[in-house]
Amino acid sequence: RARAVEAQKLMNHFAELLSPEPVNDGILNDPSKLFE
């Protein structure tokens, strides 16, 4: 279940990077969440 949740999150991030629109992922662009 945890792996499925983790995989779902990764797929969401990957889907956003895969889209032609500019990247608006909050975690990847948030300096306060650098480690995550």
All heavy atoms as atom14 arrays in JSON, in Angstrom:
{
  "sequence": "RARAVEAQKLMNHFAELLSPEPVNDGILNDPSKLFE",
  "atom14_mask": [
    [1, 1, 1, 1, 1, 1, 1, 1, 1, 1, 1, 0, 0, 0],
    [1, 1, 1, 1, 1, 0, 0, 0, 0, 0, 0, 0, 0, 0],
    [1, 1, 1, 1, 1, 1, 1, 1, 1, 1, 1, 0, 0, 0],
    [1, 1, 1, 1, 1, 0, 0, 0, 0, 0, 0, 0, 0, 0],
    [1, 1, 1, 1, 1, 1, 1, 0, 0, 0, 0, 0, 0, 0],
    [1, 1, 1, 1, 1, 1, 1, 1, 1, 0, 0, 0, 0, 0],
    [1, 1, 1, 1, 1, 0, 0, 0, 0, 0, 0, 0, 0, 0],
    [1, 1, 1, 1, 1, 1, 1, 1, 1, 0, 0, 0, 0, 0],
    [1, 1, 1, 1, 1, 1, 1, 1, 1, 0, 0, 0, 0, 0],
    [1, 1, 1, 1, 1, 1, 1, 1, 0, 0, 0, 0, 0, 0],
    [1, 1, 1, 1, 1, 1, 1, 1, 0, 0, 0, 0, 0, 0],
    [1, 1, 1, 1, 1, 1, 1, 1, 0, 0, 0, 0, 0, 0],
    [1, 1, 1, 1, 1, 1, 1, 1, 1, 1, 0, 0, 0, 0],
    [1, 1, 1, 1, 1, 1, 1, 1, 1, 1, 1, 0, 0, 0],
    [1, 1, 1, 1, 1, 0, 0, 0, 0, 0, 0, 0, 0, 0],
    [1, 1, 1, 1, 1, 1, 1, 1, 1, 0, 0, 0, 0, 0],
    [1, 1, 1, 1, 1, 1, 1, 1, 0, 0, 0, 0, 0, 0],
    [1, 1, 1, 1, 1, 1, 1, 1, 0, 0, 0, 0, 0, 0],
    [1, 1, 1, 1, 1, 1, 0, 0, 0, 0, 0, 0, 0, 0],
    [1, 1, 1, 1, 1, 1, 1, 0, 0, 0, 0, 0, 0, 0],
    [1, 1, 1, 1, 1, 1, 1, 1, 1, 0, 0, 0, 0, 0],
    [1, 1, 1, 1, 1, 1, 1, 0, 0, 0, 0, 0, 0, 0],
    [1, 1, 1, 1, 1, 1, 1, 0, 0, 0, 0, 0, 0, 0],
    [1, 1, 1, 1, 1, 1, 1, 1, 0, 0, 0, 0, 0, 0],
    [1, 1, 1, 1, 1, 1, 1, 1, 0, 0, 0, 0, 0, 0],
    [1, 1, 1, 1, 0, 0, 0, 0, 0, 0, 0, 0, 0, 0],
    [1, 1, 1, 1, 1, 1, 1, 1, 0, 0, 0, 0, 0, 0],
    [1, 1, 1, 1, 1, 1, 1, 1, 0, 0, 0, 0, 0, 0],
    [1, 1, 1, 1, 1, 1, 1, 1, 0, 0, 0, 0, 0, 0],
    [1, 1, 1, 1, 1, 1, 1, 1, 0, 0, 0, 0, 0, 0],
    [1, 1, 1, 1, 1, 1, 1, 0, 0, 0, 0, 0, 0, 0],
    [1, 1, 1, 1, 1, 1, 0, 0, 0, 0, 0, 0, 0, 0],
    [1, 1, 1, 1, 1, 1, 1, 1, 1, 0, 0, 0, 0, 0],
    [1, 1, 1, 1, 1, 1, 1, 1, 0, 0, 0, 0, 0, 0],
    [1, 1, 1, 1, 1, 1, 1, 1, 1, 1, 1, 0, 0, 0],
    [1, 1, 1, 1, 1, 1, 1, 1, 1, 0, 0, 0, 0, 0]
  ],
  "atom14_positions": [
    [[0.84, -1.21, 0.0], [0.0, 0.0, 0.0], [0.87, 1.25, 0.0], [0.61, 2.21, -0.74], [-0.91, -0.03, 1.22], [-1.88, 1.16, 1.28], [-2.72, 1.08, 2.54], [-3.49, -0.16, 2.58], [-4.18, -0.59, 3.63], [-4.17, 0.13, 4.75], [-4.86, -1.72, 3.59], [0.0, 0.0, 0.0], [0.0, 0.0, 0.0], [0.0, 0.0, 0.0]],
    [[1.95, 1.24, 0.87], [2.83, 2.41, 0.93], [3.56, 2.6, -0.39], [3.75, 3.72, -0.87], [3.83, 2.24, 2.08], [0.0, 0.0, 0.0], [0.0, 0.0, 0.0], [0.0, 0.0, 0.0], [0.0, 0.0, 0.0], [0.0, 0.0, 0.0], [0.0, 0.0, 0.0], [0.0, 0.0, 0.0], [0.0, 0.0, 0.0], [0.0, 0.0, 0.0]],
    [[3.98, 1.49, -0.97], [4.66, 1.58, -2.26], [3.72, 2.11, -3.35], [4.14, 2.89, -4.21], [5.19, 0.21, -2.66], [6.37, -0.25, -1.8], [6.81, -1.64, -2.2], [7.95, -2.07, -1.4], [8.47, -3.3, -1.45], [7.91, -4.2, -2.28], [9.49, -3.62, -0.7], [0.0, 0.0, 0.0], [0.0, 0.0, 0.0], [0.0, 0.0, 0.0]],
    [[2.5, 1.67, -3.29], [1.52, 2.15, -4.27], [1.3, 3.64, -4.14], [1.22, 4.38, -5.13], [0.2, 1.39, -4.11], [0.0, 0.0, 0.0], [0.0, 0.0, 0.0], [0.0, 0.0, 0.0], [0.0, 0.0, 0.0], [0.0, 0.0, 0.0], [0.0, 0.0, 0.0], [0.0, 0.0, 0.0], [0.0, 0.0, 0.0], [0.0, 0.0, 0.0]],
    [[1.23, 4.11, -2.86], [1.06, 5.55, -2.62], [2.27, 6.31, -3.14], [2.15, 7.36, -3.79], [0.83, 5.81, -1.12], [0.85, 7.31, -0.84], [-0.49, 5.21, -0.67], [0.0, 0.0, 0.0], [0.0, 0.0, 0.0], [0.0, 0.0, 0.0], [0.0, 0.0, 0.0], [0.0, 0.0, 0.0], [0.0, 0.0, 0.0], [0.0, 0.0, 0.0]],
    [[3.48, 5.77, -2.85], [4.7, 6.43, -3.3], [4.77, 6.44, -4.82], [5.16, 7.45, -5.43], [5.92, 5.68, -2.71], [7.25, 6.35, -2.99], [7.41, 7.66, -2.24], [6.74, 7.85, -1.19], [8.19, 8.5, -2.71], [0.0, 0.0, 0.0], [0.0, 0.0, 0.0], [0.0, 0.0, 0.0], [0.0, 0.0, 0.0], [0.0, 0.0, 0.0]],
    [[4.4, 5.32, -5.4], [4.42, 5.25, -6.87], [3.43, 6.22, -7.48], [3.7, 6.85, -8.52], [4.13, 3.82, -7.32], [0.0, 0.0, 0.0], [0.0, 0.0, 0.0], [0.0, 0.0, 0.0], [0.0, 0.0, 0.0], [0.0, 0.0, 0.0], [0.0, 0.0, 0.0], [0.0, 0.0, 0.0], [0.0, 0.0, 0.0], [0.0, 0.0, 0.0]],
    [[2.27, 6.37, -6.83], [1.26, 7.31, -7.34], [1.79, 8.74, -7.32], [1.6, 9.51, -8.27], [-0.02, 7.19, -6.53], [-1.15, 8.08, -7.05], [-2.4, 7.98, -6.19], [-2.4, 7.31, -5.16], [-3.47, 8.63, -6.63], [0.0, 0.0, 0.0], [0.0, 0.0, 0.0], [0.0, 0.0, 0.0], [0.0, 0.0, 0.0], [0.0, 0.0, 0.0]],
    [[2.49, 9.1, -6.2], [3.05, 10.44, -6.11], [4.09, 10.67, -7.2], [4.13, 11.72, -7.84], [3.68, 10.65, -4.74], [2.67, 10.72, -3.61], [3.39, 10.95, -2.28], [2.38, 11.02, -1.12], [3.07, 11.24, 0.17], [0.0, 0.0, 0.0], [0.0, 0.0, 0.0], [0.0, 0.0, 0.0], [0.0, 0.0, 0.0], [0.0, 0.0, 0.0]],
    [[4.96, 9.65, -7.41], [5.98, 9.79, -8.44], [5.35, 9.92, -9.82], [5.82, 10.7, -10.67], [6.93, 8.59, -8.4], [7.94, 8.55, -7.25], [8.74, 7.26, -7.27], [8.88, 9.75, -7.32], [0.0, 0.0, 0.0], [0.0, 0.0, 0.0], [0.0, 0.0, 0.0], [0.0, 0.0, 0.0], [0.0, 0.0, 0.0], [0.0, 0.0, 0.0]],
    [[4.29, 9.15, -10.05], [3.63, 9.22, -11.35], [3.0, 10.59, -11.57], [2.99, 11.12, -12.69], [2.58, 8.12, -11.47], [3.16, 6.71, -11.5], [4.38, 6.48, -12.8], [3.34, 6.69, -14.24], [0.0, 0.0, 0.0], [0.0, 0.0, 0.0], [0.0, 0.0, 0.0], [0.0, 0.0, 0.0], [0.0, 0.0, 0.0], [0.0, 0.0, 0.0]],
    [[2.46, 11.17, -10.5], [1.89, 12.52, -10.61], [2.97, 13.53, -10.99], [2.77, 14.39, -11.85], [1.21, 12.92, -9.31], [-0.04, 12.09, -9.04], [-0.68, 11.55, -9.98], [-0.43, 11.98, -7.79], [0.0, 0.0, 0.0], [0.0, 0.0, 0.0], [0.0, 0.0, 0.0], [0.0, 0.0, 0.0], [0.0, 0.0, 0.0], [0.0, 0.0, 0.0]],
    [[4.14, 13.44, -10.28], [5.24, 14.36, -10.6], [5.74, 14.12, -12.02], [6.03, 15.08, -12.76], [6.4, 14.18, -9.61], [6.07, 14.61, -8.21], [5.77, 15.93, -7.89], [5.97, 13.92, -7.04], [5.51, 16.02, -6.6], [5.64, 14.8, -6.06], [0.0, 0.0, 0.0], [0.0, 0.0, 0.0], [0.0, 0.0, 0.0], [0.0, 0.0, 0.0]],
    [[5.83, 12.86, -12.41], [6.32, 12.54, -13.75], [5.32, 13.02, -14.82], [5.73, 13.51, -15.88], [6.54, 11.04, -13.86], [7.11, 10.63, -15.19], [8.44, 10.85, -15.5], [6.29, 10.04, -16.16], [8.95, 10.47, -16.73], [6.81, 9.67, -17.38], [8.15, 9.88, -17.67], [0.0, 0.0, 0.0], [0.0, 0.0, 0.0], [0.0, 0.0, 0.0]],
    [[4.02, 12.88, -14.51], [2.98, 13.33, -15.47], [3.06, 14.82, -15.68], [2.9, 15.33, -16.81], [1.6, 12.92, -14.95], [0.0, 0.0, 0.0], [0.0, 0.0, 0.0], [0.0, 0.0, 0.0], [0.0, 0.0, 0.0], [0.0, 0.0, 0.0], [0.0, 0.0, 0.0], [0.0, 0.0, 0.0], [0.0, 0.0, 0.0], [0.0, 0.0, 0.0]],
    [[3.35, 15.55, -14.59], [3.45, 17.01, -14.73], [4.68, 17.39, -15.56], [4.64, 18.33, -16.35], [3.52, 17.66, -13.35], [3.45, 19.18, -13.43], [3.19, 19.81, -12.08], [2.86, 19.06, -11.13], [3.31, 21.03, -11.97], [0.0, 0.0, 0.0], [0.0, 0.0, 0.0], [0.0, 0.0, 0.0], [0.0, 0.0, 0.0], [0.0, 0.0, 0.0]],
    [[5.79, 16.65, -15.36], [6.99, 16.92, -16.15], [6.8, 16.49, -17.61], [7.44, 17.03, -18.52], [8.2, 16.18, -15.55], [8.7, 16.71, -14.2], [9.72, 15.76, -13.59], [9.31, 18.1, -14.36], [0.0, 0.0, 0.0], [0.0, 0.0, 0.0], [0.0, 0.0, 0.0], [0.0, 0.0, 0.0], [0.0, 0.0, 0.0], [0.0, 0.0, 0.0]],
    [[5.92, 15.51, -17.8], [5.69, 15.0, -19.15], [4.78, 15.92, -19.97], [4.82, 15.91, -21.19], [5.07, 13.59, -19.05], [4.99, 12.76, -20.33], [6.38, 12.53, -20.92], [4.3, 11.44, -20.04], [0.0, 0.0, 0.0], [0.0, 0.0, 0.0], [0.0, 0.0, 0.0], [0.0, 0.0, 0.0], [0.0, 0.0, 0.0], [0.0, 0.0, 0.0]],
    [[3.97, 16.72, -19.27], [3.01, 17.6, -19.97], [3.75, 18.73, -20.65], [4.82, 19.16, -20.2], [2.0, 18.18, -18.98], [2.65, 19.03, -18.06], [0.0, 0.0, 0.0], [0.0, 0.0, 0.0], [0.0, 0.0, 0.0], [0.0, 0.0, 0.0], [0.0, 0.0, 0.0], [0.0, 0.0, 0.0], [0.0, 0.0, 0.0], [0.0, 0.0, 0.0]],
    [[3.19, 19.26, -21.74], [3.87, 20.35, -22.46], [3.82, 21.67, -21.71], [4.54, 22.61, -22.08], [3.11, 20.41, -23.79], [1.77, 19.85, -23.5], [1.94, 18.82, -22.44], [0.0, 0.0, 0.0], [0.0, 0.0, 0.0], [0.0, 0.0, 0.0], [0.0, 0.0, 0.0], [0.0, 0.0, 0.0], [0.0, 0.0, 0.0], [0.0, 0.0, 0.0]],
    [[2.97, 21.78, -20.71], [2.85, 23.01, -19.95], [4.09, 23.2, -19.06], [4.77, 22.25, -18.7], [1.58, 22.97, -19.08], [0.31, 22.8, -19.86], [0.04, 23.97, -20.79], [0.46, 25.1, -20.42], [-0.55, 23.75, -21.86], [0.0, 0.0, 0.0], [0.0, 0.0, 0.0], [0.0, 0.0, 0.0], [0.0, 0.0, 0.0], [0.0, 0.0, 0.0]],
    [[4.35, 24.46, -18.66], [5.47, 24.71, -17.73], [5.26, 23.96, -16.41], [4.14, 23.73, -15.97], [5.43, 26.23, -17.53], [4.71, 26.75, -18.73], [3.71, 25.71, -19.11], [0.0, 0.0, 0.0], [0.0, 0.0, 0.0], [0.0, 0.0, 0.0], [0.0, 0.0, 0.0], [0.0, 0.0, 0.0], [0.0, 0.0, 0.0], [0.0, 0.0, 0.0]],
    [[6.39, 23.62, -15.77], [6.33, 22.84, -14.53], [5.88, 23.74, -13.4], [6.48, 24.78, -13.12], [7.7, 22.23, -14.22], [7.64, 21.45, -12.92], [8.14, 21.34, -15.37], [0.0, 0.0, 0.0], [0.0, 0.0, 0.0], [0.0, 0.0, 0.0], [0.0, 0.0, 0.0], [0.0, 0.0, 0.0], [0.0, 0.0, 0.0], [0.0, 0.0, 0.0]],
    [[4.79, 23.32, -12.76], [4.25, 24.08, -11.62], [4.22, 23.23, -10.35], [3.47, 23.54, -9.43], [2.83, 24.57, -11.95], [2.82, 25.57, -13.1], [3.7, 26.42, -13.19], [1.83, 25.45, -13.99], [0.0, 0.0, 0.0], [0.0, 0.0, 0.0], [0.0, 0.0, 0.0], [0.0, 0.0, 0.0], [0.0, 0.0, 0.0], [0.0, 0.0, 0.0]],
    [[5.06, 22.18, -10.33], [5.07, 21.29, -9.16], [5.55, 22.07, -7.94], [6.68, 22.6, -7.9], [6.0, 20.1, -9.42], [5.78, 18.99, -8.4], [5.66, 19.31, -7.21], [5.76, 17.81, -8.81], [0.0, 0.0, 0.0], [0.0, 0.0, 0.0], [0.0, 0.0, 0.0], [0.0, 0.0, 0.0], [0.0, 0.0, 0.0], [0.0, 0.0, 0.0]],
    [[4.73, 22.15, -6.92], [5.06, 22.95, -5.74], [6.24, 22.43, -4.97], [7.07, 23.2, -4.49], [0.0, 0.0, 0.0], [0.0, 0.0, 0.0], [0.0, 0.0, 0.0], [0.0, 0.0, 0.0], [0.0, 0.0, 0.0], [0.0, 0.0, 0.0], [0.0, 0.0, 0.0], [0.0, 0.0, 0.0], [0.0, 0.0, 0.0], [0.0, 0.0, 0.0]],
    [[6.33, 21.13, -4.82], [7.44, 20.56, -4.03], [8.77, 20.77, -4.74], [9.76, 21.18, -4.12], [7.18, 19.06, -3.77], [5.93, 18.87, -2.93], [8.39, 18.42, -3.11], [5.57, 17.42, -2.68], [0.0, 0.0, 0.0], [0.0, 0.0, 0.0], [0.0, 0.0, 0.0], [0.0, 0.0, 0.0], [0.0, 0.0, 0.0], [0.0, 0.0, 0.0]],
    [[8.8, 20.53, -6.03], [10.06, 20.64, -6.76], [10.53, 22.08, -6.88], [11.73, 22.34, -7.08], [9.91, 20.04, -8.16], [9.64, 18.53, -8.22], [9.46, 18.07, -9.66], [10.77, 17.75, -7.56], [0.0, 0.0, 0.0], [0.0, 0.0, 0.0], [0.0, 0.0, 0.0], [0.0, 0.0, 0.0], [0.0, 0.0, 0.0], [0.0, 0.0, 0.0]],
    [[9.61, 23.03, -6.74], [9.98, 24.44, -6.86], [10.0, 25.17, -5.53], [10.26, 26.38, -5.5], [9.01, 25.16, -7.81], [9.11, 24.62, -9.23], [10.2, 24.28, -9.68], [7.98, 24.54, -9.94], [0.0, 0.0, 0.0], [0.0, 0.0, 0.0], [0.0, 0.0, 0.0], [0.0, 0.0, 0.0], [0.0, 0.0, 0.0], [0.0, 0.0, 0.0]],
    [[9.75, 24.48, -4.45], [9.69, 25.11, -3.13], [11.05, 24.97, -2.45], [11.47, 23.86, -2.09], [8.6, 24.45, -2.29], [8.35, 25.22, -1.0], [9.11, 26.19, -0.73], [7.43, 24.84, -0.25], [0.0, 0.0, 0.0], [0.0, 0.0, 0.0], [0.0, 0.0, 0.0], [0.0, 0.0, 0.0], [0.0, 0.0, 0.0], [0.0, 0.0, 0.0]],
    [[11.8, 26.09, -2.23], [13.12, 25.99, -1.58], [13.04, 25.43, -0.16], [14.0, 24.83, 0.32], [13.62, 27.44, -1.58], [12.84, 28.12, -2.66], [11.49, 27.46, -2.66], [0.0, 0.0, 0.0], [0.0, 0.0, 0.0], [0.0, 0.0, 0.0], [0.0, 0.0, 0.0], [0.0, 0.0, 0.0], [0.0, 0.0, 0.0], [0.0, 0.0, 0.0]],
    [[11.92, 25.63, 0.51], [11.8, 25.14, 1.88], [11.66, 23.62, 1.94], [11.78, 23.02, 3.01], [10.62, 25.82, 2.57], [9.4, 25.47, 1.91], [0.0, 0.0, 0.0], [0.0, 0.0, 0.0], [0.0, 0.0, 0.0], [0.0, 0.0, 0.0], [0.0, 0.0, 0.0], [0.0, 0.0, 0.0], [0.0, 0.0, 0.0], [0.0, 0.0, 0.0]],
    [[11.32, 23.03, 0.83], [11.16, 21.57, 0.78], [12.25, 20.94, -0.09], [12.01, 20.04, -0.88], [9.78, 21.21, 0.24], [8.64, 21.7, 1.12], [7.29, 21.31, 0.55], [6.15, 21.79, 1.45], [4.83, 21.39, 0.9], [0.0, 0.0, 0.0], [0.0, 0.0, 0.0], [0.0, 0.0, 0.0], [0.0, 0.0, 0.0], [0.0, 0.0, 0.0]],
    [[13.49, 21.45, 0.1], [14.6, 21.01, -0.73], [14.89, 19.52, -0.54], [15.13, 18.79, -1.51], [15.86, 21.84, -0.4], [17.14, 21.47, -1.15], [16.96, 21.66, -2.65], [18.32, 22.3, -0.64], [0.0, 0.0, 0.0], [0.0, 0.0, 0.0], [0.0, 0.0, 0.0], [0.0, 0.0, 0.0], [0.0, 0.0, 0.0], [0.0, 0.0, 0.0]],
    [[14.89, 19.05, 0.71], [15.25, 17.65, 0.97], [14.22, 16.69, 0.37], [14.56, 15.65, -0.2], [15.38, 17.4, 2.47], [16.5, 18.2, 3.11], [16.55, 18.38, 4.48], [17.5, 18.77, 2.33], [17.58, 19.1, 5.07], [18.53, 19.5, 2.91], [18.56, 19.68, 4.28], [0.0, 0.0, 0.0], [0.0, 0.0, 0.0], [0.0, 0.0, 0.0]],
    [[12.9, 17.08, 0.5], [11.85, 16.24, -0.07], [11.93, 16.25, -1.59], [11.76, 15.2, -2.24], [10.48, 16.76, 0.4], [9.32, 15.87, -0.03], [7.98, 16.38, 0.5], [7.99, 17.36, 1.3], [6.95, 15.8, 0.12], [0.0, 0.0, 0.0], [0.0, 0.0, 0.0], [0.0, 0.0, 0.0], [0.0, 0.0, 0.0], [0.0, 0.0, 0.0]]
  ]
}
